Protein backbone atom coordinates (compact mmCIF):
# COMPACT_ATOMS: atom_id res chain seq x y z
CA GLN A 1 0.52 -8.48 23.95
CA VAL A 2 -0.84 -10.34 20.94
CA GLN A 3 -4.41 -9.65 19.93
CA LEU A 4 -6.26 -12.31 17.97
CA VAL A 5 -9.38 -11.74 15.88
CA GLU A 6 -11.33 -14.62 14.38
CA SER A 7 -13.64 -14.46 11.39
CA GLY A 8 -15.39 -16.80 8.98
CA GLY A 9 -17.97 -18.43 11.19
CA GLY A 10 -21.56 -18.86 10.13
CA LEU A 11 -24.41 -21.23 9.42
CA VAL A 12 -23.80 -24.20 7.13
CA GLN A 13 -25.61 -27.41 6.32
CA ALA A 14 -24.21 -30.77 7.35
CA GLY A 15 -21.62 -31.92 4.85
CA GLY A 16 -20.64 -28.38 3.99
CA SER A 17 -17.41 -26.47 4.54
CA LEU A 18 -16.24 -23.33 6.27
CA ARG A 19 -12.87 -21.64 6.57
CA LEU A 20 -12.09 -19.80 9.77
CA SER A 21 -9.41 -17.12 9.86
CA CYS A 22 -7.48 -15.66 12.76
CA ALA A 23 -5.53 -12.43 12.42
CA ALA A 24 -2.78 -11.59 14.89
CA SER A 25 -1.61 -8.10 15.78
CA GLU A 26 2.07 -8.86 16.29
CA ARG A 27 4.86 -10.40 14.21
CA ALA A 28 5.82 -12.42 17.28
CA PHE A 29 2.80 -14.54 16.44
CA ARG A 30 4.87 -16.41 13.87
CA SER A 31 7.03 -17.78 16.71
CA TYR A 32 4.06 -19.06 18.70
CA THR A 33 2.24 -22.32 18.65
CA LYS A 34 -1.17 -21.61 17.13
CA ALA A 35 -4.32 -23.52 17.92
CA TRP A 36 -8.05 -23.70 17.52
CA PHE A 37 -10.39 -24.67 20.33
CA ARG A 38 -14.16 -24.84 20.45
CA GLN A 39 -16.86 -24.66 23.06
CA ALA A 40 -20.40 -25.92 22.64
CA PRO A 41 -23.23 -24.77 24.94
CA GLY A 42 -23.01 -26.46 28.30
CA LYS A 43 -19.66 -28.08 27.51
CA GLU A 44 -16.07 -27.35 28.35
CA ARG A 45 -13.75 -25.76 25.85
CA GLU A 46 -11.99 -28.48 23.86
CA PHE A 47 -8.93 -28.73 21.68
CA VAL A 48 -9.49 -28.91 17.92
CA ALA A 49 -6.16 -28.40 16.15
CA ALA A 50 -2.71 -26.90 16.65
CA ARG A 51 0.36 -26.07 14.64
CA ARG A 52 3.69 -25.89 16.41
CA TRP A 53 5.90 -23.11 15.16
CA ILE A 54 9.28 -24.73 15.85
CA ASP A 55 8.86 -27.61 13.41
CA ASP A 56 5.49 -26.82 11.78
CA SER A 57 4.02 -30.07 13.05
CA THR A 58 0.25 -30.31 13.30
CA TYR A 59 -2.03 -31.94 15.82
CA TYR A 60 -5.74 -32.70 15.66
CA ALA A 61 -8.49 -33.92 17.92
CA ASP A 62 -9.65 -37.39 16.90
CA SER A 63 -13.13 -36.02 16.24
CA VAL A 64 -11.90 -33.72 13.44
CA LYS A 65 -8.95 -35.66 12.04
CA GLY A 66 -9.27 -36.03 8.28
CA ARG A 67 -11.91 -33.29 8.05
CA PHE A 68 -10.20 -30.17 9.43
CA THR A 69 -6.88 -28.64 8.42
CA ILE A 70 -4.92 -25.97 10.29
CA SER A 71 -2.65 -23.78 8.21
CA ARG A 72 -0.78 -20.51 8.64
CA ASP A 73 0.56 -17.61 6.65
CA ASN A 74 3.45 -16.08 8.58
CA ALA A 75 3.81 -13.17 6.18
CA LYS A 76 0.25 -12.10 7.00
CA ASN A 77 0.27 -13.13 10.69
CA MET A 78 -2.68 -15.40 9.99
CA VAL A 79 -3.80 -18.88 10.95
CA TYR A 80 -6.68 -20.72 9.32
CA LEU A 81 -8.94 -23.66 10.02
CA GLN A 82 -10.42 -25.32 6.97
CA MET A 83 -13.42 -27.37 8.04
CA ASN A 84 -14.89 -29.90 5.61
CA SER A 85 -17.62 -32.49 5.94
CA LEU A 86 -19.12 -30.57 8.81
CA LYS A 87 -21.45 -32.31 11.23
CA PRO A 88 -24.09 -30.92 13.60
CA GLU A 89 -21.84 -31.89 16.50
CA ASP A 90 -19.24 -29.44 15.21
CA THR A 91 -21.55 -26.61 16.25
CA ALA A 92 -19.70 -24.41 18.74
CA VAL A 93 -17.93 -21.14 19.28
CA TYR A 94 -14.46 -21.53 17.79
CA TYR A 95 -11.51 -19.77 19.38
CA CYS A 96 -8.08 -19.03 18.05
CA ALA A 97 -5.22 -19.27 20.57
CA ALA A 98 -1.48 -18.69 20.61
CA ASP A 99 1.34 -19.42 23.01
CA PRO A 100 5.15 -19.14 22.96
CA GLY A 101 5.56 -22.34 24.97
CA PRO A 102 5.36 -26.04 24.17
CA ASN A 103 1.69 -26.47 25.07
CA ILE A 104 -0.40 -28.16 22.41
CA ARG A 105 -3.72 -29.61 23.62
CA THR A 106 -4.54 -27.98 26.94
CA THR A 107 -6.38 -24.68 27.38
CA THR A 108 -3.46 -22.89 29.04
CA TYR A 109 -2.67 -20.77 26.01
CA THR A 110 -1.61 -17.21 26.76
CA PHE A 111 -3.50 -15.37 24.03
CA TRP A 112 -7.09 -15.93 22.92
CA GLY A 113 -9.45 -14.45 20.39
CA GLN A 114 -13.05 -13.52 21.11
CA GLY A 115 -14.48 -16.49 19.23
CA THR A 116 -16.63 -17.00 16.16
CA GLN A 117 -19.86 -19.00 16.04
CA VAL A 118 -20.13 -22.03 13.78
CA THR A 119 -23.56 -23.61 13.43
CA VAL A 120 -24.08 -26.79 11.43
CA SER A 121 -27.67 -27.66 10.62
CA SER A 122 -28.82 -31.22 9.99
């Protein structure tokens, strides 16, 4: 059982940056696809970014492409989401997720963190 703990959320002005971190409890995490999702009030949880462990390929939602970057540090069992040029519509609870399978964009990940709030003011 992999436990995921996010950190780094907060309040930022539009145009600013934040870096989210996700710490995993197990070394097996390095062999999982890692992803970030977000959920705004009244909306469904949506895919943001993913990094596939088998070939280190990355995937992004169109809405964040060019602004967000997902990275990982296998030695520390960590995954990060660097968010630049933030917009008010990026406001949401951001969740870290991990899965040993081939899933990339759907919400059927096996392991989830508790979420961290990101609020972007205009």
